[in-house]
Amino acid sequence: MPTLSHWTALVSTVALVSVLTGLMLLAGTVQAQERTDQSTLALDISPVAVGIGYSRQEQGRLSLGGGVGIGVDLLNFRLVAGSHFDNSDKYLLEIIHGRMFVRYDHSSAVVVEAGLRASYNWHWYNYEQVGHAAFGGAYVMPMVGRRLKIGIRLAAGVIDDGDSNPEFILLLHPLVARIDFH
């Protein structure tokens, strides 16, 4: 049963992602510039995982896009509102993912991406009986750099393996790199 602290973490995370997304949209609308039809193909890299994304500049500094990825994302920390996917004795690895996002280019060196993310994951206990789990939620990913960008990704959502109740999960990926191709 989720405790008050779990519900507080859930509400705080949803509020943070909502506020950041709203600020990005507002800033892009207020600073709208002439449309330039610029597209970006990006290669996302994290330890033992790779993803590809495409975005198209829509208005001013805002771009809309999507992406997919494959590989094992080994570097992550998680907080779970339940006991089934907790950190103490359960391993959880993202295998494939898809995402839709809005990207705000604050400057040529600072970018914030926020959107929806879904993934297929493997989980197990003491390397026995591998299970399958699906994640769905929202994420925010601030990055710095010009063509090579470095950042973090914070995701909040629900994870479910079909055997237990779905659980709220907060994921922090402390190292994500991206190479942009304009």
N, C-alpha and C. Protein backbone atom coordinates (compact mmCIF):
# COMPACT_ATOMS: atom_id res chain seq x y z
N MET A 1 0.84 -1.19 0.00
CA MET A 1 0.00 0.00 0.00
C MET A 1 0.88 1.24 0.00
N PRO A 2 0.67 2.14 -0.95
CA PRO A 2 1.48 3.35 -0.98
C PRO A 2 1.29 4.20 0.27
N THR A 3 2.38 4.73 0.77
CA THR A 3 2.34 5.57 1.96
C THR A 3 2.18 7.03 1.53
N LEU A 4 2.03 7.89 2.51
CA LEU A 4 1.90 9.31 2.24
C LEU A 4 3.14 9.86 1.53
N SER A 5 4.33 9.38 1.91
CA SER A 5 5.55 9.85 1.25
C SER A 5 5.61 9.44 -0.21
N HIS A 6 5.06 8.26 -0.56
CA HIS A 6 5.01 7.84 -1.95
C HIS A 6 4.07 8.74 -2.76
N TRP A 7 2.91 9.07 -2.19
CA TRP A 7 1.96 9.95 -2.87
C TRP A 7 2.54 11.35 -3.01
N THR A 8 3.29 11.80 -1.99
CA THR A 8 3.94 13.11 -2.07
C THR A 8 4.96 13.13 -3.19
N ALA A 9 5.75 12.06 -3.32
CA ALA A 9 6.73 11.97 -4.40
C ALA A 9 6.04 11.97 -5.76
N LEU A 10 4.94 11.25 -5.88
CA LEU A 10 4.19 11.20 -7.14
C LEU A 10 3.67 12.57 -7.52
N VAL A 11 3.00 13.23 -6.59
CA VAL A 11 2.42 14.55 -6.88
C VAL A 11 3.53 15.56 -7.20
N SER A 12 4.63 15.53 -6.46
CA SER A 12 5.74 16.45 -6.70
C SER A 12 6.34 16.25 -8.08
N THR A 13 6.53 15.00 -8.47
CA THR A 13 7.13 14.70 -9.77
C THR A 13 6.21 15.12 -10.91
N VAL A 14 4.93 14.78 -10.81
CA VAL A 14 3.97 15.17 -11.84
C VAL A 14 3.91 16.70 -11.94
N ALA A 15 3.92 17.39 -10.81
CA ALA A 15 3.89 18.85 -10.82
C ALA A 15 5.15 19.41 -11.48
N LEU A 16 6.32 18.85 -11.16
CA LEU A 16 7.57 19.31 -11.74
C LEU A 16 7.58 19.15 -13.26
N VAL A 17 7.21 17.97 -13.73
CA VAL A 17 7.19 17.72 -15.17
C VAL A 17 6.17 18.64 -15.86
N SER A 18 5.00 18.84 -15.24
CA SER A 18 3.97 19.71 -15.82
C SER A 18 4.44 21.16 -15.88
N VAL A 19 5.05 21.64 -14.82
CA VAL A 19 5.52 23.03 -14.79
C VAL A 19 6.62 23.24 -15.82
N LEU A 20 7.59 22.31 -15.89
CA LEU A 20 8.67 22.46 -16.87
C LEU A 20 8.14 22.43 -18.30
N THR A 21 7.22 21.53 -18.59
CA THR A 21 6.65 21.46 -19.93
C THR A 21 5.87 22.74 -20.25
N GLY A 22 5.08 23.21 -19.29
CA GLY A 22 4.32 24.45 -19.49
C GLY A 22 5.22 25.65 -19.71
N LEU A 23 6.30 25.75 -18.92
CA LEU A 23 7.24 26.86 -19.10
C LEU A 23 7.91 26.81 -20.46
N MET A 24 8.25 25.62 -20.91
CA MET A 24 8.87 25.49 -22.24
C MET A 24 7.91 25.95 -23.33
N LEU A 25 6.66 25.52 -23.23
CA LEU A 25 5.67 25.91 -24.23
C LEU A 25 5.41 27.41 -24.19
N LEU A 26 5.27 27.96 -23.00
CA LEU A 26 5.04 29.39 -22.85
C LEU A 26 6.22 30.20 -23.38
N ALA A 27 7.42 29.81 -23.02
CA ALA A 27 8.61 30.54 -23.48
C ALA A 27 8.72 30.47 -24.99
N GLY A 28 8.43 29.34 -25.57
CA GLY A 28 8.51 29.20 -27.02
C GLY A 28 7.45 30.04 -27.72
N THR A 29 6.26 30.15 -27.13
CA THR A 29 5.20 30.95 -27.72
C THR A 29 5.52 32.43 -27.60
N VAL A 30 5.99 32.86 -26.43
CA VAL A 30 6.30 34.26 -26.21
C VAL A 30 7.45 34.71 -27.10
N GLN A 31 8.45 33.84 -27.29
CA GLN A 31 9.62 34.20 -28.08
C GLN A 31 9.53 33.66 -29.51
N ALA A 32 8.32 33.51 -30.00
CA ALA A 32 8.14 32.93 -31.33
C ALA A 32 8.89 33.75 -32.38
N GLN A 33 9.58 33.01 -33.22
CA GLN A 33 10.34 33.64 -34.28
C GLN A 33 9.80 33.14 -35.61
N GLU A 34 10.37 33.64 -36.69
CA GLU A 34 9.98 33.19 -38.01
C GLU A 34 10.33 31.72 -38.16
N ARG A 35 9.42 30.95 -38.72
CA ARG A 35 9.64 29.51 -38.91
C ARG A 35 10.77 29.26 -39.90
N THR A 36 11.68 28.37 -39.51
CA THR A 36 12.84 28.09 -40.37
C THR A 36 12.84 26.67 -40.93
N ASP A 37 11.90 25.84 -40.56
CA ASP A 37 11.81 24.47 -41.05
C ASP A 37 13.10 23.69 -40.86
N GLN A 38 13.71 23.82 -39.71
CA GLN A 38 14.94 23.09 -39.42
C GLN A 38 14.61 21.75 -38.79
N SER A 39 15.22 20.69 -39.30
CA SER A 39 15.03 19.35 -38.76
C SER A 39 16.34 18.89 -38.13
N THR A 40 16.22 18.03 -37.12
CA THR A 40 17.39 17.49 -36.44
C THR A 40 17.24 15.98 -36.30
N LEU A 41 18.27 15.27 -36.65
CA LEU A 41 18.37 13.84 -36.40
C LEU A 41 19.38 13.71 -35.26
N ALA A 42 19.02 12.96 -34.22
CA ALA A 42 19.89 12.87 -33.04
C ALA A 42 20.14 11.42 -32.67
N LEU A 43 21.35 11.16 -32.22
CA LEU A 43 21.75 9.85 -31.73
C LEU A 43 21.96 9.97 -30.23
N ASP A 44 21.12 9.28 -29.44
CA ASP A 44 21.24 9.28 -27.98
C ASP A 44 22.06 8.08 -27.55
N ILE A 45 23.01 8.32 -26.64
CA ILE A 45 23.90 7.26 -26.20
C ILE A 45 23.95 7.25 -24.68
N SER A 46 23.77 6.08 -24.10
CA SER A 46 24.01 5.87 -22.68
C SER A 46 24.70 4.52 -22.56
N PRO A 47 25.24 4.18 -21.39
CA PRO A 47 25.98 2.92 -21.29
C PRO A 47 25.18 1.72 -21.82
N VAL A 48 25.66 1.09 -22.85
CA VAL A 48 25.12 -0.12 -23.49
C VAL A 48 23.73 0.08 -24.08
N ALA A 49 23.37 1.30 -24.44
CA ALA A 49 22.08 1.58 -25.07
C ALA A 49 22.25 2.69 -26.10
N VAL A 50 21.40 2.66 -27.11
CA VAL A 50 21.45 3.67 -28.15
C VAL A 50 20.02 3.97 -28.61
N GLY A 51 19.79 5.21 -28.98
CA GLY A 51 18.48 5.60 -29.48
C GLY A 51 18.64 6.59 -30.62
N ILE A 52 17.61 6.71 -31.43
CA ILE A 52 17.64 7.68 -32.52
C ILE A 52 16.34 8.48 -32.44
N GLY A 53 16.47 9.77 -32.68
CA GLY A 53 15.30 10.64 -32.62
C GLY A 53 15.30 11.62 -33.77
N TYR A 54 14.12 12.08 -34.09
CA TYR A 54 13.94 13.07 -35.15
C TYR A 54 13.05 14.17 -34.61
N SER A 55 13.43 15.42 -34.87
CA SER A 55 12.59 16.54 -34.47
C SER A 55 12.56 17.58 -35.58
N ARG A 56 11.49 18.33 -35.58
CA ARG A 56 11.31 19.38 -36.58
C ARG A 56 10.93 20.66 -35.85
N GLN A 57 11.62 21.74 -36.17
CA GLN A 57 11.32 23.02 -35.54
C GLN A 57 9.94 23.47 -35.98
N GLU A 58 9.09 23.78 -35.00
CA GLU A 58 7.72 24.16 -35.30
C GLU A 58 7.46 25.64 -35.13
N GLN A 59 7.93 26.21 -34.03
CA GLN A 59 7.65 27.61 -33.76
C GLN A 59 8.77 28.17 -32.89
N GLY A 60 9.46 29.15 -33.38
CA GLY A 60 10.51 29.77 -32.58
C GLY A 60 11.55 28.76 -32.16
N ARG A 61 11.67 28.61 -30.88
CA ARG A 61 12.68 27.69 -30.33
C ARG A 61 12.11 26.31 -30.00
N LEU A 62 10.86 26.05 -30.34
CA LEU A 62 10.23 24.77 -30.05
C LEU A 62 10.32 23.80 -31.21
N SER A 63 10.63 22.56 -30.89
CA SER A 63 10.63 21.48 -31.87
C SER A 63 9.76 20.35 -31.34
N LEU A 64 9.12 19.63 -32.24
CA LEU A 64 8.34 18.45 -31.90
C LEU A 64 9.03 17.25 -32.54
N GLY A 65 8.98 16.11 -31.84
CA GLY A 65 9.64 14.95 -32.41
C GLY A 65 9.29 13.66 -31.73
N GLY A 66 10.02 12.63 -32.11
CA GLY A 66 9.83 11.30 -31.57
C GLY A 66 11.11 10.51 -31.73
N GLY A 67 11.15 9.36 -31.07
CA GLY A 67 12.33 8.54 -31.17
C GLY A 67 12.11 7.15 -30.64
N VAL A 68 13.05 6.27 -30.93
CA VAL A 68 13.05 4.90 -30.45
C VAL A 68 14.46 4.54 -30.01
N GLY A 69 14.56 3.52 -29.18
CA GLY A 69 15.87 3.11 -28.73
C GLY A 69 15.89 1.65 -28.34
N ILE A 70 17.09 1.09 -28.29
CA ILE A 70 17.27 -0.30 -27.93
C ILE A 70 18.56 -0.43 -27.13
N GLY A 71 18.60 -1.38 -26.25
CA GLY A 71 19.79 -1.61 -25.44
C GLY A 71 19.46 -1.62 -23.97
N VAL A 72 20.42 -1.95 -23.18
CA VAL A 72 20.23 -2.06 -21.73
C VAL A 72 20.72 -0.78 -21.07
N ASP A 73 19.83 -0.06 -20.45
CA ASP A 73 20.20 1.16 -19.75
C ASP A 73 20.62 0.79 -18.33
N LEU A 74 21.92 0.61 -18.13
CA LEU A 74 22.44 0.12 -16.85
C LEU A 74 22.49 1.17 -15.75
N LEU A 75 22.67 2.42 -16.14
CA LEU A 75 22.85 3.47 -15.15
C LEU A 75 21.53 4.15 -14.85
N ASN A 76 20.84 3.72 -13.80
CA ASN A 76 19.63 4.42 -13.38
C ASN A 76 19.39 4.17 -11.90
N PHE A 77 18.70 5.10 -11.31
CA PHE A 77 18.29 5.00 -9.91
C PHE A 77 16.78 5.11 -9.90
N ARG A 78 16.13 4.38 -8.99
CA ARG A 78 14.68 4.41 -8.99
C ARG A 78 14.10 4.48 -7.59
N LEU A 79 12.94 5.10 -7.52
CA LEU A 79 12.13 5.18 -6.31
C LEU A 79 10.77 4.65 -6.70
N VAL A 80 10.30 3.63 -5.99
CA VAL A 80 9.06 2.96 -6.35
C VAL A 80 8.06 3.05 -5.22
N ALA A 81 6.81 3.34 -5.55
CA ALA A 81 5.74 3.39 -4.55
C ALA A 81 5.12 2.00 -4.45
N GLY A 82 5.86 1.05 -3.94
CA GLY A 82 5.42 -0.33 -3.79
C GLY A 82 6.63 -1.20 -3.54
N SER A 83 6.40 -2.48 -3.34
CA SER A 83 7.52 -3.36 -2.99
C SER A 83 7.96 -4.27 -4.13
N HIS A 84 7.15 -4.41 -5.18
CA HIS A 84 7.47 -5.38 -6.22
C HIS A 84 8.69 -4.99 -7.04
N PHE A 85 8.88 -3.71 -7.34
CA PHE A 85 10.00 -3.25 -8.16
C PHE A 85 11.02 -2.45 -7.36
N ASP A 86 11.09 -2.68 -6.05
CA ASP A 86 12.01 -1.88 -5.23
C ASP A 86 13.47 -2.21 -5.55
N ASN A 87 14.39 -1.36 -5.09
CA ASN A 87 15.81 -1.49 -5.40
C ASN A 87 16.53 -2.59 -4.64
N SER A 88 16.01 -3.02 -3.52
CA SER A 88 16.78 -3.87 -2.63
C SER A 88 17.15 -5.23 -3.21
N ASP A 89 16.26 -5.85 -3.96
CA ASP A 89 16.57 -7.20 -4.43
C ASP A 89 16.06 -7.49 -5.85
N LYS A 90 15.63 -6.49 -6.56
CA LYS A 90 15.06 -6.69 -7.88
C LYS A 90 15.85 -5.89 -8.91
N TYR A 91 16.19 -6.52 -10.02
CA TYR A 91 16.88 -5.85 -11.11
C TYR A 91 15.86 -5.45 -12.16
N LEU A 92 16.02 -4.27 -12.73
CA LEU A 92 15.10 -3.75 -13.73
C LEU A 92 15.91 -3.12 -14.85
N LEU A 93 15.77 -3.64 -16.06
CA LEU A 93 16.52 -3.14 -17.21
C LEU A 93 15.58 -2.79 -18.35
N GLU A 94 15.72 -1.58 -18.87
CA GLU A 94 14.96 -1.17 -20.04
C GLU A 94 15.59 -1.79 -21.28
N ILE A 95 14.78 -2.42 -22.13
CA ILE A 95 15.29 -3.09 -23.32
C ILE A 95 15.00 -2.27 -24.58
N ILE A 96 13.75 -1.85 -24.78
CA ILE A 96 13.40 -0.99 -25.90
C ILE A 96 12.50 0.13 -25.40
N HIS A 97 12.50 1.26 -26.12
CA HIS A 97 11.62 2.36 -25.73
C HIS A 97 11.20 3.17 -26.95
N GLY A 98 10.12 3.90 -26.76
CA GLY A 98 9.64 4.86 -27.74
C GLY A 98 9.26 6.12 -27.00
N ARG A 99 9.36 7.27 -27.69
CA ARG A 99 9.03 8.53 -27.03
C ARG A 99 8.51 9.55 -28.03
N MET A 100 7.68 10.46 -27.53
CA MET A 100 7.22 11.63 -28.25
C MET A 100 7.55 12.82 -27.37
N PHE A 101 8.03 13.92 -27.97
CA PHE A 101 8.51 15.00 -27.12
C PHE A 101 8.35 16.37 -27.75
N VAL A 102 8.48 17.37 -26.89
CA VAL A 102 8.65 18.75 -27.29
C VAL A 102 10.02 19.16 -26.78
N ARG A 103 10.77 19.86 -27.61
CA ARG A 103 12.14 20.26 -27.23
C ARG A 103 12.22 21.79 -27.30
N TYR A 104 12.75 22.37 -26.24
CA TYR A 104 12.94 23.82 -26.18
C TYR A 104 14.43 24.12 -26.22
N ASP A 105 14.86 24.84 -27.25
CA ASP A 105 16.26 25.26 -27.38
C ASP A 105 16.41 26.61 -26.70
N HIS A 106 16.81 26.58 -25.45
CA HIS A 106 16.99 27.83 -24.70
C HIS A 106 18.08 28.68 -25.32
N SER A 107 19.15 28.05 -25.74
CA SER A 107 20.24 28.71 -26.45
C SER A 107 20.88 27.65 -27.33
N SER A 108 21.96 28.02 -28.01
CA SER A 108 22.61 27.03 -28.87
C SER A 108 23.29 25.93 -28.04
N ALA A 109 23.45 26.15 -26.73
CA ALA A 109 24.15 25.17 -25.90
C ALA A 109 23.28 24.57 -24.80
N VAL A 110 22.04 25.03 -24.62
CA VAL A 110 21.17 24.52 -23.56
C VAL A 110 19.83 24.11 -24.17
N VAL A 111 19.45 22.85 -23.96
CA VAL A 111 18.22 22.29 -24.50
C VAL A 111 17.47 21.58 -23.38
N VAL A 112 16.15 21.69 -23.38
CA VAL A 112 15.32 20.93 -22.46
C VAL A 112 14.29 20.18 -23.30
N GLU A 113 14.22 18.88 -23.08
CA GLU A 113 13.27 18.03 -23.79
C GLU A 113 12.32 17.44 -22.77
N ALA A 114 11.02 17.42 -23.09
CA ALA A 114 10.02 16.82 -22.20
C ALA A 114 8.99 16.11 -23.06
N GLY A 115 8.47 15.01 -22.54
CA GLY A 115 7.49 14.29 -23.34
C GLY A 115 6.99 13.03 -22.67
N LEU A 116 6.44 12.16 -23.50
CA LEU A 116 5.90 10.88 -23.06
C LEU A 116 6.84 9.77 -23.50
N ARG A 117 6.97 8.76 -22.64
CA ARG A 117 7.91 7.67 -22.90
C ARG A 117 7.24 6.34 -22.52
N ALA A 118 7.44 5.34 -23.35
CA ALA A 118 6.96 3.98 -23.06
C ALA A 118 8.13 3.03 -23.30
N SER A 119 8.22 1.99 -22.45
CA SER A 119 9.32 1.05 -22.63
C SER A 119 8.93 -0.36 -22.21
N TYR A 120 9.69 -1.30 -22.76
CA TYR A 120 9.58 -2.71 -22.40
C TYR A 120 10.81 -3.04 -21.56
N ASN A 121 10.62 -3.71 -20.43
CA ASN A 121 11.71 -3.95 -19.48
C ASN A 121 11.76 -5.41 -19.06
N TRP A 122 12.95 -5.84 -18.67
CA TRP A 122 13.13 -7.13 -18.01
C TRP A 122 13.37 -6.87 -16.54
N HIS A 123 12.85 -7.75 -15.70
CA HIS A 123 13.14 -7.66 -14.27
C HIS A 123 13.29 -9.07 -13.70
N TRP A 124 14.13 -9.18 -12.67
CA TRP A 124 14.34 -10.47 -12.04
C TRP A 124 14.87 -10.29 -10.63
N TYR A 125 14.86 -11.40 -9.91
CA TYR A 125 15.33 -11.45 -8.54
C TYR A 125 16.46 -12.47 -8.48
N ASN A 126 17.65 -12.07 -8.06
CA ASN A 126 18.81 -12.97 -7.94
C ASN A 126 19.06 -13.78 -9.22
N TYR A 127 18.92 -13.14 -10.37
CA TYR A 127 19.17 -13.76 -11.67
C TYR A 127 18.31 -14.99 -11.95
N GLU A 128 17.17 -15.07 -11.31
CA GLU A 128 16.25 -16.18 -11.54
C GLU A 128 14.96 -15.64 -12.14
N GLN A 129 14.30 -16.44 -12.92
CA GLN A 129 12.99 -16.16 -13.46
C GLN A 129 12.83 -14.73 -13.97
N VAL A 130 13.30 -14.50 -15.19
CA VAL A 130 13.19 -13.18 -15.80
C VAL A 130 11.72 -12.89 -16.10
N GLY A 131 11.27 -11.71 -15.71
CA GLY A 131 9.91 -11.28 -15.99
C GLY A 131 9.91 -10.11 -16.95
N HIS A 132 8.74 -9.78 -17.43
CA HIS A 132 8.59 -8.69 -18.38
C HIS A 132 7.75 -7.60 -17.72
N ALA A 133 8.05 -6.35 -18.02
CA ALA A 133 7.30 -5.24 -17.45
C ALA A 133 7.21 -4.11 -18.46
N ALA A 134 6.11 -3.39 -18.43
CA ALA A 134 5.91 -2.23 -19.30
C ALA A 134 5.90 -0.96 -18.46
N PHE A 135 6.56 0.07 -18.97
CA PHE A 135 6.57 1.38 -18.32
C PHE A 135 5.91 2.39 -19.23
N GLY A 136 5.14 3.29 -18.66
CA GLY A 136 4.56 4.41 -19.40
C GLY A 136 4.55 5.62 -18.50
N GLY A 137 5.01 6.76 -19.03
CA GLY A 137 5.02 7.95 -18.21
C GLY A 137 5.56 9.16 -18.94
N ALA A 138 5.90 10.17 -18.16
CA ALA A 138 6.43 11.43 -18.69
C ALA A 138 7.89 11.56 -18.29
N TYR A 139 8.63 12.36 -19.05
CA TYR A 139 10.03 12.58 -18.72
C TYR A 139 10.43 14.00 -19.04
N VAL A 140 11.51 14.43 -18.41
CA VAL A 140 12.13 15.71 -18.72
C VAL A 140 13.63 15.45 -18.78
N MET A 141 14.31 16.08 -19.78
CA MET A 141 15.73 15.81 -19.99
C MET A 141 16.45 17.11 -20.37
N PRO A 142 17.05 17.79 -19.38
CA PRO A 142 17.87 18.96 -19.70
C PRO A 142 19.25 18.51 -20.18
N MET A 143 19.79 19.22 -21.19
CA MET A 143 21.10 18.86 -21.74
C MET A 143 21.89 20.13 -22.05
N VAL A 144 23.21 20.02 -21.96
CA VAL A 144 24.10 21.13 -22.31
C VAL A 144 25.13 20.64 -23.32
N GLY A 145 25.58 21.56 -24.16
CA GLY A 145 26.56 21.25 -25.19
C GLY A 145 26.06 21.73 -26.54
N ARG A 146 26.91 21.75 -27.50
CA ARG A 146 26.51 22.21 -28.83
C ARG A 146 26.12 21.01 -29.70
N ARG A 147 27.02 20.43 -30.43
CA ARG A 147 26.68 19.25 -31.23
C ARG A 147 26.67 18.00 -30.37
N LEU A 148 27.61 17.89 -29.44
CA LEU A 148 27.61 16.80 -28.45
C LEU A 148 27.00 17.35 -27.17
N LYS A 149 25.89 16.78 -26.75
CA LYS A 149 25.19 17.26 -25.56
C LYS A 149 25.26 16.19 -24.47
N ILE A 150 25.35 16.65 -23.22
CA ILE A 150 25.37 15.77 -22.06
C ILE A 150 24.26 16.23 -21.12
N GLY A 151 23.55 15.27 -20.52
CA GLY A 151 22.47 15.65 -19.62
C GLY A 151 22.01 14.51 -18.74
N ILE A 152 20.87 14.74 -18.10
CA ILE A 152 20.23 13.74 -17.26
C ILE A 152 18.79 13.58 -17.73
N ARG A 153 18.17 12.45 -17.36
CA ARG A 153 16.76 12.24 -17.68
C ARG A 153 16.03 11.82 -16.40
N LEU A 154 14.94 12.50 -16.12
CA LEU A 154 14.07 12.16 -15.00
C LEU A 154 12.73 11.73 -15.57
N ALA A 155 12.32 10.52 -15.25
CA ALA A 155 11.05 9.99 -15.75
C ALA A 155 10.16 9.59 -14.59
N ALA A 156 8.88 9.80 -14.73
CA ALA A 156 7.90 9.41 -13.72
C ALA A 156 6.72 8.76 -14.43
N GLY A 157 6.27 7.64 -13.89
CA GLY A 157 5.15 6.96 -14.52
C GLY A 157 4.75 5.72 -13.77
N VAL A 158 4.19 4.79 -14.51
CA VAL A 158 3.67 3.55 -13.93
C VAL A 158 4.39 2.39 -14.61
N ILE A 159 4.74 1.39 -13.80
CA ILE A 159 5.34 0.17 -14.33
C ILE A 159 4.47 -1.01 -13.91
N ASP A 160 4.28 -1.95 -14.83
CA ASP A 160 3.38 -3.08 -14.58
C ASP A 160 3.92 -4.32 -15.27
N ASP A 161 3.93 -5.43 -14.53
CA ASP A 161 4.37 -6.70 -15.12
C ASP A 161 3.21 -7.68 -15.32
N GLY A 162 2.00 -7.26 -14.99
CA GLY A 162 0.84 -8.12 -15.15
C GLY A 162 0.63 -9.10 -14.02
N ASP A 163 1.64 -9.33 -13.18
CA ASP A 163 1.53 -10.28 -12.07
C ASP A 163 1.16 -9.60 -10.75
N SER A 164 1.44 -8.32 -10.65
CA SER A 164 1.15 -7.59 -9.42
C SER A 164 0.43 -6.30 -9.79
N ASN A 165 0.13 -5.49 -8.80
CA ASN A 165 -0.51 -4.21 -9.07
C ASN A 165 0.47 -3.27 -9.75
N PRO A 166 0.00 -2.43 -10.67
CA PRO A 166 0.90 -1.42 -11.25
C PRO A 166 1.45 -0.52 -10.14
N GLU A 167 2.69 -0.09 -10.30
CA GLU A 167 3.33 0.74 -9.28
C GLU A 167 3.86 2.02 -9.89
N PHE A 168 3.75 3.11 -9.13
CA PHE A 168 4.34 4.38 -9.54
C PHE A 168 5.85 4.25 -9.41
N ILE A 169 6.59 4.77 -10.40
CA ILE A 169 8.04 4.69 -10.35
C ILE A 169 8.64 6.02 -10.81
N LEU A 170 9.70 6.41 -10.13
CA LEU A 170 10.47 7.61 -10.47
C LEU A 170 11.86 7.12 -10.85
N LEU A 171 12.30 7.42 -12.09
CA LEU A 171 13.59 6.95 -12.60
C LEU A 171 14.51 8.14 -12.86
N LEU A 172 15.73 8.05 -12.40
CA LEU A 172 16.75 9.05 -12.68
C LEU A 172 17.87 8.39 -13.47
N HIS A 173 18.14 8.90 -14.65
CA HIS A 173 19.25 8.45 -15.49
C HIS A 173 20.28 9.57 -15.46
N PRO A 174 21.38 9.40 -14.69
CA PRO A 174 22.30 10.50 -14.45
C PRO A 174 23.26 10.83 -15.59
N LEU A 175 23.29 10.02 -16.64
CA LEU A 175 24.21 10.29 -17.74
C LEU A 175 23.58 9.88 -19.07
N VAL A 176 23.25 10.88 -19.87
CA VAL A 176 22.74 10.66 -21.22
C VAL A 176 23.52 11.58 -22.14
N ALA A 177 23.98 11.06 -23.26
CA ALA A 177 24.71 11.86 -24.23
C ALA A 177 23.94 11.85 -25.55
N ARG A 178 24.09 12.93 -26.31
CA ARG A 178 23.41 13.04 -27.60
C ARG A 178 24.33 13.70 -28.61
N ILE A 179 24.30 13.18 -29.83
CA ILE A 179 24.98 13.81 -30.95
C ILE A 179 23.92 14.28 -31.94
N ASP A 180 23.90 15.59 -32.23
CA ASP A 180 22.92 16.16 -33.15
C ASP A 180 23.49 16.24 -34.55
N PHE A 181 22.64 15.89 -35.52
CA PHE A 181 22.98 16.03 -36.95
C PHE A 181 21.93 16.94 -37.57
N HIS A 182 22.30 18.15 -37.94
CA HIS A 182 21.35 19.11 -38.52
C HIS A 182 21.33 18.98 -40.03
